[in-house]
Amino acid sequence: MGSVYRSLASYEALIYIALAIWGLFVFRSMYRTWKEWRDSVFSLEREFALRRLGRTAAVALLILGLVFAEFFIATFVAPSLPASDILTTPTLDLLAAPPGTLSPEDATQAALSPATESAPSGMSGCVPDQIMITSPQPGAIVNGSIEIIGTANIPNFGFYKYEIAPMGTQDWATISADREAQQDKKLGDWNTASLTNGEYFLRLVITDNVGVSLEPCVIAVRVANQ
């Protein structure tokens, strides 16, 4: 179900457009049926019109329900899904690669450079006192369950979430999210036990209260569970 929820969140705008078009046709039909019911002279004619009006009203309620369901999934369910349900493929073990391979520290610096083709986009978003990950440190080796420490505090704050992706991919998976701003405090926990050992990017994303996401703060870490 996690992949279904993520797909619904990814195509949120298209789903809203489709539901809006469907709703226009339904409400147009409802208005015409209401006019027929209002202008009906005979009781049987009014009864038939009333039945059609009831059916179109039920469809309209269904559309509204789908809109609210899509909003709930995209806003609350998808961001809170665990990362382990999509990170099932092995990741590249950079430390076991031949000499010349980037270390986690070098990978982080390369990620901050726009000239690096293999690094995910948006690597320069760390801003002191606004959006920062202070623990774990870039290049840290992590295992088991760890605490994410940092700052998520901007004007017009909405919510924050922290995500991971295997290094060299764009497969970002949300670990957790929260609506409370934090200043150099615990942002949440990250259980790495279900992940394949390897190099990962960890990023912090902040969204303001009108739904605009800032450039994320990203660091590179190595997962090394026994």
C-alpha atoms as a PDB file:
ATOM      1  CA  MET A   1       0.000   0.000   0.000  1.00  0.00           C
ATOM      2  CA  GLY A   2       2.935   2.323   0.562  1.00  0.00           C
ATOM      3  CA  SER A   3       3.648   2.568  -3.163  1.00  0.00           C
ATOM      4  CA  VAL A   4      -0.031   3.327  -3.828  1.00  0.00           C
ATOM      5  CA  TYR A   5      -0.033   6.142  -1.263  1.00  0.00           C
ATOM      6  CA  ARG A   6       3.161   7.594  -2.704  1.00  0.00           C
ATOM      7  CA  SER A   7       1.716   7.461  -6.231  1.00  0.00           C
ATOM      8  CA  LEU A   8      -1.418   9.269  -5.068  1.00  0.00           C
ATOM      9  CA  ALA A   9       0.761  11.931  -3.448  1.00  0.00           C
ATOM     10  CA  SER A  10       2.973  12.272  -6.540  1.00  0.00           C
ATOM     11  CA  TYR A  11       0.001  12.817  -8.877  1.00  0.00           C
ATOM     12  CA  GLU A  12      -1.916  14.992  -6.419  1.00  0.00           C
ATOM     13  CA  ALA A  13      -2.366  17.921  -8.823  1.00  0.00           C
ATOM     14  CA  LEU A  14      -3.571  15.732 -11.706  1.00  0.00           C
ATOM     15  CA  ILE A  15      -6.022  13.936  -9.426  1.00  0.00           C
ATOM     16  CA  TYR A  16      -7.477  17.239  -8.245  1.00  0.00           C
ATOM     17  CA  ILE A  17      -7.875  18.398 -11.847  1.00  0.00           C
ATOM     18  CA  ALA A  18      -9.628  15.178 -12.846  1.00  0.00           C
ATOM     19  CA  LEU A  19     -11.964  15.350  -9.854  1.00  0.00           C
ATOM     20  CA  ALA A  20     -12.700  19.016 -10.582  1.00  0.00           C
ATOM     21  CA  ILE A  21     -13.678  18.242 -14.191  1.00  0.00           C
ATOM     22  CA  TRP A  22     -15.849  15.348 -13.052  1.00  0.00           C
ATOM     23  CA  GLY A  23     -17.400  17.572 -10.411  1.00  0.00           C
ATOM     24  CA  LEU A  24     -18.300  20.231 -12.978  1.00  0.00           C
ATOM     25  CA  PHE A  25     -20.260  17.723 -15.033  1.00  0.00           C
ATOM     26  CA  VAL A  26     -21.982  16.331 -11.940  1.00  0.00           C
ATOM     27  CA  PHE A  27     -22.964  19.719 -10.538  1.00  0.00           C
ATOM     28  CA  ARG A  28     -24.198  20.796 -13.958  1.00  0.00           C
ATOM     29  CA  SER A  29     -26.383  17.688 -14.103  1.00  0.00           C
ATOM     30  CA  MET A  30     -27.549  18.347 -10.549  1.00  0.00           C
ATOM     31  CA  TYR A  31     -28.571  21.894 -11.436  1.00  0.00           C
ATOM     32  CA  ARG A  32     -30.534  20.739 -14.497  1.00  0.00           C
ATOM     33  CA  THR A  33     -32.253  18.024 -12.460  1.00  0.00           C
ATOM     34  CA  TRP A  34     -33.129  20.533  -9.754  1.00  0.00           C
ATOM     35  CA  LYS A  35     -34.704  22.812 -12.370  1.00  0.00           C
ATOM     36  CA  GLU A  36     -36.734  19.889 -13.718  1.00  0.00           C
ATOM     37  CA  TRP A  37     -37.932  19.076 -10.201  1.00  0.00           C
ATOM     38  CA  ARG A  38     -38.819  22.699  -9.528  1.00  0.00           C
ATOM     39  CA  ASP A  39     -40.711  23.100 -12.811  1.00  0.00           C
ATOM     40  CA  SER A  40     -42.485  19.732 -12.633  1.00  0.00           C
ATOM     41  CA  VAL A  41     -46.267  19.879 -12.673  1.00  0.00           C
ATOM     42  CA  PHE A  42     -47.303  16.293 -12.098  1.00  0.00           C
ATOM     43  CA  SER A  43     -46.408  14.417  -8.919  1.00  0.00           C
ATOM     44  CA  LEU A  44     -44.974  11.431 -10.810  1.00  0.00           C
ATOM     45  CA  GLU A  45     -42.773  13.732 -12.834  1.00  0.00           C
ATOM     46  CA  ARG A  46     -41.560  15.416  -9.640  1.00  0.00           C
ATOM     47  CA  GLU A  47     -40.848  12.020  -8.079  1.00  0.00           C
ATOM     48  CA  PHE A  48     -38.670  10.926 -10.996  1.00  0.00           C
ATOM     49  CA  ALA A  49     -36.800  14.238 -10.954  1.00  0.00           C
ATOM     50  CA  LEU A  50     -36.269  13.933  -7.206  1.00  0.00           C
ATOM     51  CA  ARG A  51     -34.764  10.473  -7.612  1.00  0.00           C
ATOM     52  CA  ARG A  52     -32.352  11.717 -10.254  1.00  0.00           C
ATOM     53  CA  LEU A  53     -31.462  14.636  -8.020  1.00  0.00           C
ATOM     54  CA  GLY A  54     -30.701  12.261  -5.173  1.00  0.00           C
ATOM     55  CA  ARG A  55     -28.408  10.158  -7.362  1.00  0.00           C
ATOM     56  CA  THR A  56     -26.451  13.157  -8.633  1.00  0.00           C
ATOM     57  CA  ALA A  57     -26.162  14.505  -5.083  1.00  0.00           C
ATOM     58  CA  ALA A  58     -24.712  11.161  -3.976  1.00  0.00           C
ATOM     59  CA  VAL A  59     -22.115  11.326  -6.765  1.00  0.00           C
ATOM     60  CA  ALA A  60     -21.258  14.897  -5.760  1.00  0.00           C
ATOM     61  CA  LEU A  61     -20.696  13.766  -2.160  1.00  0.00           C
ATOM     62  CA  LEU A  62     -18.510  10.941  -3.452  1.00  0.00           C
ATOM     63  CA  ILE A  63     -16.335  13.446  -5.348  1.00  0.00           C
ATOM     64  CA  LEU A  64     -15.983  15.610  -2.252  1.00  0.00           C
ATOM     65  CA  GLY A  65     -15.030  12.531  -0.264  1.00  0.00           C
ATOM     66  CA  LEU A  66     -12.355  11.629  -2.815  1.00  0.00           C
ATOM     67  CA  VAL A  67     -10.959  15.173  -2.641  1.00  0.00           C
ATOM     68  CA  PHE A  68     -10.673  15.011   1.140  1.00  0.00           C
ATOM     69  CA  ALA A  69      -9.170  11.507   0.957  1.00  0.00           C
ATOM     70  CA  GLU A  70      -6.544  12.618  -1.554  1.00  0.00           C
ATOM     71  CA  PHE A  71      -5.676  15.640   0.597  1.00  0.00           C
ATOM     72  CA  PHE A  72      -5.331  13.482   3.717  1.00  0.00           C
ATOM     73  CA  ILE A  73      -3.134  10.906   1.965  1.00  0.00           C
ATOM     74  CA  ALA A  74      -0.884  13.480   0.297  1.00  0.00           C
ATOM     75  CA  THR A  75      -0.541  15.673   3.398  1.00  0.00           C
ATOM     76  CA  PHE A  76      -0.431  13.219   6.290  1.00  0.00           C
ATOM     77  CA  VAL A  77      -0.163   9.580   5.184  1.00  0.00           C
ATOM     78  CA  ALA A  78       2.504   9.666   2.457  1.00  0.00           C
ATOM     79  CA  PRO A  79       5.010  11.858   4.391  1.00  0.00           C
ATOM     80  CA  SER A  80       4.812   9.529   7.409  1.00  0.00           C
ATOM     81  CA  LEU A  81       5.444   6.257   5.540  1.00  0.00           C
ATOM     82  CA  PRO A  82       8.539   4.350   6.667  1.00  0.00           C
ATOM     83  CA  ALA A  83      11.523   4.232   4.377  1.00  0.00           C
ATOM     84  CA  SER A  84      12.025   0.475   4.532  1.00  0.00           C
ATOM     85  CA  ASP A  85       9.123  -0.385   2.246  1.00  0.00           C
ATOM     86  CA  ILE A  86      10.827   1.041  -0.843  1.00  0.00           C
ATOM     87  CA  LEU A  87      14.515   0.618  -0.098  1.00  0.00           C
ATOM     88  CA  THR A  88      14.679  -3.064  -0.945  1.00  0.00           C
ATOM     89  CA  THR A  89      17.475  -3.062  -3.517  1.00  0.00           C
ATOM     90  CA  PRO A  90      21.146  -3.326  -2.610  1.00  0.00           C
ATOM     91  CA  THR A  91      23.090  -0.051  -2.510  1.00  0.00           C
ATOM     92  CA  LEU A  92      26.608   0.653  -3.667  1.00  0.00           C
ATOM     93  CA  ASP A  93      29.268   0.056  -0.991  1.00  0.00           C
ATOM     94  CA  LEU A  94      31.566   2.963  -1.765  1.00  0.00           C
ATOM     95  CA  LEU A  95      34.083   2.125   0.944  1.00  0.00           C
ATOM     96  CA  ALA A  96      34.701  -1.275  -0.691  1.00  0.00           C
ATOM     97  CA  ALA A  97      35.187   0.266  -4.126  1.00  0.00           C
ATOM     98  CA  PRO A  98      38.613   0.689  -5.768  1.00  0.00           C
ATOM     99  CA  PRO A  99      40.871   3.620  -4.757  1.00  0.00           C
ATOM    100  CA  GLY A 100      39.681   6.965  -6.015  1.00  0.00           C
ATOM    101  CA  THR A 101      36.080   6.395  -4.980  1.00  0.00           C
ATOM    102  CA  LEU A 102      34.563   9.309  -3.061  1.00  0.00           C
ATOM    103  CA  SER A 103      34.328   9.039   0.704  1.00  0.00           C
ATOM    104  CA  PRO A 104      31.095  10.142   2.423  1.00  0.00           C
ATOM    105  CA  GLU A 105      32.746  13.505   3.289  1.00  0.00           C
ATOM    106  CA  ASP A 106      33.865  14.052  -0.310  1.00  0.00           C
ATOM    107  CA  ALA A 107      30.469  12.908  -1.588  1.00  0.00           C
ATOM    108  CA  THR A 108      28.781  15.567   0.524  1.00  0.00           C
ATOM    109  CA  GLN A 109      31.077  18.252  -0.875  1.00  0.00           C
ATOM    110  CA  ALA A 110      30.466  16.971  -4.393  1.00  0.00           C
ATOM    111  CA  ALA A 111      26.739  17.047  -3.763  1.00  0.00           C
ATOM    112  CA  LEU A 112      27.031  20.730  -2.940  1.00  0.00           C
ATOM    113  CA  SER A 113      28.642  21.393  -6.323  1.00  0.00           C
ATOM    114  CA  PRO A 114      26.233  21.971  -9.268  1.00  0.00           C
ATOM    115  CA  ALA A 115      28.816  20.418 -11.597  1.00  0.00           C
ATOM    116  CA  THR A 116      28.347  16.931 -10.092  1.00  0.00           C
ATOM    117  CA  GLU A 117      26.017  15.090 -12.453  1.00  0.00           C
ATOM    118  CA  SER A 118      25.341  12.054 -10.252  1.00  0.00           C
ATOM    119  CA  ALA A 119      24.385  14.012  -7.115  1.00  0.00           C
ATOM    120  CA  PRO A 120      20.722  14.743  -6.400  1.00  0.00           C
ATOM    121  CA  SER A 121      19.578  18.315  -6.931  1.00  0.00           C
ATOM    122  CA  GLY A 122      19.155  20.831  -4.100  1.00  0.00           C
ATOM    123  CA  MET A 123      22.335  20.190  -2.112  1.00  0.00           C
ATOM    124  CA  SER A 124      23.014  23.753  -0.874  1.00  0.00           C
ATOM    125  CA  GLY A 125      20.048  24.332   1.406  1.00  0.00           C
ATOM    126  CA  CYS A 126      21.680  24.159   4.862  1.00  0.00           C
ATOM    127  CA  VAL A 127      21.182  27.506   6.611  1.00  0.00           C
ATOM    128  CA  PRO A 128      22.359  28.058  10.211  1.00  0.00           C
ATOM    129  CA  ASP A 129      19.530  28.704  12.686  1.00  0.00           C
ATOM    130  CA  GLN A 130      16.925  27.838  10.049  1.00  0.00           C
ATOM    131  CA  ILE A 131      17.475  24.443   8.399  1.00  0.00           C
ATOM    132  CA  MET A 132      20.395  22.342   9.634  1.00  0.00           C
ATOM    133  CA  ILE A 133      21.297  18.750  10.492  1.00  0.00           C
ATOM    134  CA  THR A 134      23.858  18.784  13.297  1.00  0.00           C
ATOM    135  CA  SER A 135      23.741  15.080  14.180  1.00  0.00           C
ATOM    136  CA  PRO A 136      24.689  12.791  12.583  1.00  0.00           C
ATOM    137  CA  GLN A 137      27.635  14.645  11.103  1.00  0.00           C
ATOM    138  CA  PRO A 138      28.434  14.437   7.368  1.00  0.00           C
ATOM    139  CA  GLY A 139      30.307  11.213   6.696  1.00  0.00           C
ATOM    140  CA  ALA A 140      29.209   9.605   9.968  1.00  0.00           C
ATOM    141  CA  ILE A 141      28.849   5.836  10.260  1.00  0.00           C
ATOM    142  CA  VAL A 142      25.429   5.008  11.722  1.00  0.00           C
ATOM    143  CA  ASN A 143      23.708   1.832  12.808  1.00  0.00           C
ATOM    144  CA  GLY A 144      20.656   0.745  14.730  1.00  0.00           C
ATOM    145  CA  SER A 145      18.314   3.498  15.921  1.00  0.00           C
ATOM    146  CA  ILE A 146      19.773   6.997  16.076  1.00  0.00           C
ATOM    147  CA  GLU A 147      18.499  10.469  16.923  1.00  0.00           C
ATOM    148  CA  ILE A 148      18.361  13.182  14.269  1.00  0.00           C
ATOM    149  CA  ILE A 149      19.397  16.502  15.829  1.00  0.00           C
ATOM    150  CA  GLY A 150      19.067  19.791  14.018  1.00  0.00           C
ATOM    151  CA  THR A 151      17.150  22.979  13.376  1.00  0.00           C
ATOM    152  CA  ALA A 152      13.859  23.343  11.529  1.00  0.00           C
ATOM    153  CA  ASN A 153      12.694  26.866  12.191  1.00  0.00           C
ATOM    154  CA  ILE A 154      11.761  29.406   9.539  1.00  0.00           C
ATOM    155  CA  PRO A 155       9.304  32.313   9.306  1.00  0.00           C
ATOM    156  CA  ASN A 156       5.794  31.071   8.488  1.00  0.00           C
ATOM    157  CA  PHE A 157       6.814  27.531   9.481  1.00  0.00           C
ATOM    158  CA  GLY A 158       4.455  24.775   8.365  1.00  0.00           C
ATOM    159  CA  PHE A 159       6.089  21.385   8.944  1.00  0.00           C
ATOM    160  CA  TYR A 160       9.338  19.543   8.413  1.00  0.00           C
ATOM    161  CA  LYS A 161      10.266  16.038   7.316  1.00  0.00           C
ATOM    162  CA  TYR A 162      13.526  14.154   6.980  1.00  0.00           C
ATOM    163  CA  GLU A 163      14.199  11.687   4.193  1.00  0.00           C
ATOM    164  CA  ILE A 164      16.855   9.300   2.901  1.00  0.00           C
ATOM    165  CA  ALA A 165      17.945   8.044  -0.495  1.00  0.00           C
ATOM    166  CA  PRO A 166      20.666   5.622  -1.563  1.00  0.00           C
ATOM    167  CA  MET A 167      23.631   7.649  -2.776  1.00  0.00           C
ATOM    168  CA  GLY A 168      23.494   8.261  -6.509  1.00  0.00           C
ATOM    169  CA  THR A 169      19.704   7.939  -6.748  1.00  0.00           C
ATOM    170  CA  GLN A 170      16.647  10.153  -6.432  1.00  0.00           C
ATOM    171  CA  ASP A 171      14.639   7.517  -4.520  1.00  0.00           C
ATOM    172  CA  TRP A 172      13.821   9.748  -1.549  1.00  0.00           C
ATOM    173  CA  ALA A 173      11.828   8.051   1.188  1.00  0.00           C
ATOM    174  CA  THR A 174      10.340   9.926   4.134  1.00  0.00           C
ATOM    175  CA  ILE A 175      11.366   8.656   7.556  1.00  0.00           C
ATOM    176  CA  SER A 176       9.211  10.940   9.675  1.00  0.00           C
ATOM    177  CA  ALA A 177       7.601  14.387   9.827  1.00  0.00           C
ATOM    178  CA  ASP A 178       6.439  16.870  12.447  1.00  0.00           C
ATOM    179  CA  ARG A 179       4.565  20.163  12.675  1.00  0.00           C
ATOM    180  CA  GLU A 180       6.575  21.560  15.628  1.00  0.00           C
ATOM    181  CA  ALA A 181       9.485  23.881  14.834  1.00  0.00           C
ATOM    182  CA  GLN A 182      12.793  22.906  16.474  1.00  0.00           C
ATOM    183  CA  GLN A 183      15.938  24.909  17.245  1.00  0.00           C
ATOM    184  CA  ASP A 184      19.034  22.702  17.575  1.00  0.00           C
ATOM    185  CA  LYS A 185      16.956  19.942  19.154  1.00  0.00           C
ATOM    186  CA  LYS A 186      15.868  16.406  18.418  1.00  0.00           C
ATOM    187  CA  LEU A 187      13.967  16.228  15.140  1.00  0.00           C
ATOM    188  CA  GLY A 188      13.116  12.555  15.489  1.00  0.00           C
ATOM    189  CA  ASP A 189      14.521   9.035  15.313  1.00  0.00           C
ATOM    190  CA  TRP A 190      15.881   7.010  12.418  1.00  0.00           C
ATOM    191  CA  ASN A 191      15.918   3.216  12.634  1.00  0.00           C
ATOM    192  CA  THR A 192      18.524   2.013  10.151  1.00  0.00           C
ATOM    193  CA  ALA A 193      18.187  -1.686  11.019  1.00  0.00           C
ATOM    194  CA  SER A 194      15.987  -2.498   8.002  1.00  0.00           C
ATOM    195  CA  LEU A 195      18.322  -0.866   5.463  1.00  0.00           C
ATOM    196  CA  THR A 196      21.028  -2.455   3.362  1.00  0.00           C
ATOM    197  CA  ASN A 197      24.482  -1.337   4.462  1.00  0.00           C
ATOM    198  CA  GLY A 198      25.890   1.367   2.234  1.00  0.00           C
ATOM    199  CA  GLU A 199      26.031   5.077   1.530  1.00  0.00           C
ATOM    200  CA  TYR A 200      22.933   7.237   1.888  1.00  0.00           C
ATOM    201  CA  PHE A 201      21.954  10.858   1.635  1.00  0.00           C
ATOM    202  CA  LEU A 202      19.949  12.224   4.585  1.00  0.00           C
ATOM    203  CA  ARG A 203      18.039  15.419   3.978  1.00  0.00           C
ATOM    204  CA  LEU A 204      15.851  17.779   5.981  1.00  0.00           C
ATOM    205  CA  VAL A 205      12.964  19.438   4.131  1.00  0.00           C
ATOM    206  CA  ILE A 206      10.920  22.331   5.532  1.00  0.00           C
ATOM    207  CA  THR A 207       7.563  23.429   4.095  1.00  0.00           C
ATOM    208  CA  ASP A 208       6.024  26.754   5.060  1.00  0.00           C
ATOM    209  CA  ASN A 209       2.410  27.359   6.023  1.00  0.00           C
ATOM    210  CA  VAL A 210       1.311  27.962   2.421  1.00  0.00           C
ATOM    211  CA  GLY A 211       2.776  24.687   1.128  1.00  0.00           C
ATOM    212  CA  VAL A 212       6.053  25.939  -0.356  1.00  0.00           C
ATOM    213  CA  SER A 213       9.054  23.678   0.327  1.00  0.00           C
ATOM    214  CA  LEU A 214      12.452  25.252   0.902  1.00  0.00           C
ATOM    215  CA  GLU A 215      15.679  23.922  -0.571  1.00  0.00           C
ATOM    216  CA  PRO A 216      16.576  20.904   1.592  1.00  0.00           C
ATOM    217  CA  CYS A 217      19.625  20.474   3.792  1.00  0.00           C
ATOM    218  CA  VAL A 218      21.475  17.289   2.769  1.00  0.00           C
ATOM    219  CA  ILE A 219      24.361  15.292   4.247  1.00  0.00           C
ATOM    220  CA  ALA A 220      25.955  11.948   3.342  1.00  0.00           C
ATOM    221  CA  VAL A 221      26.197   9.108   5.885  1.00  0.00           C
ATOM    222  CA  ARG A 222      27.122   5.432   5.850  1.00  0.00           C
ATOM    223  CA  VAL A 223      24.794   2.767   7.258  1.00  0.00           C
ATOM    224  CA  ALA A 224      26.835  -0.072   8.763  1.00  0.00           C
ATOM    225  CA  ASN A 225      24.651  -2.463  10.728  1.00  0.00           C
ATOM    226  CA  GLN A 226      26.206  -5.679  12.021  1.00  0.00           C
END
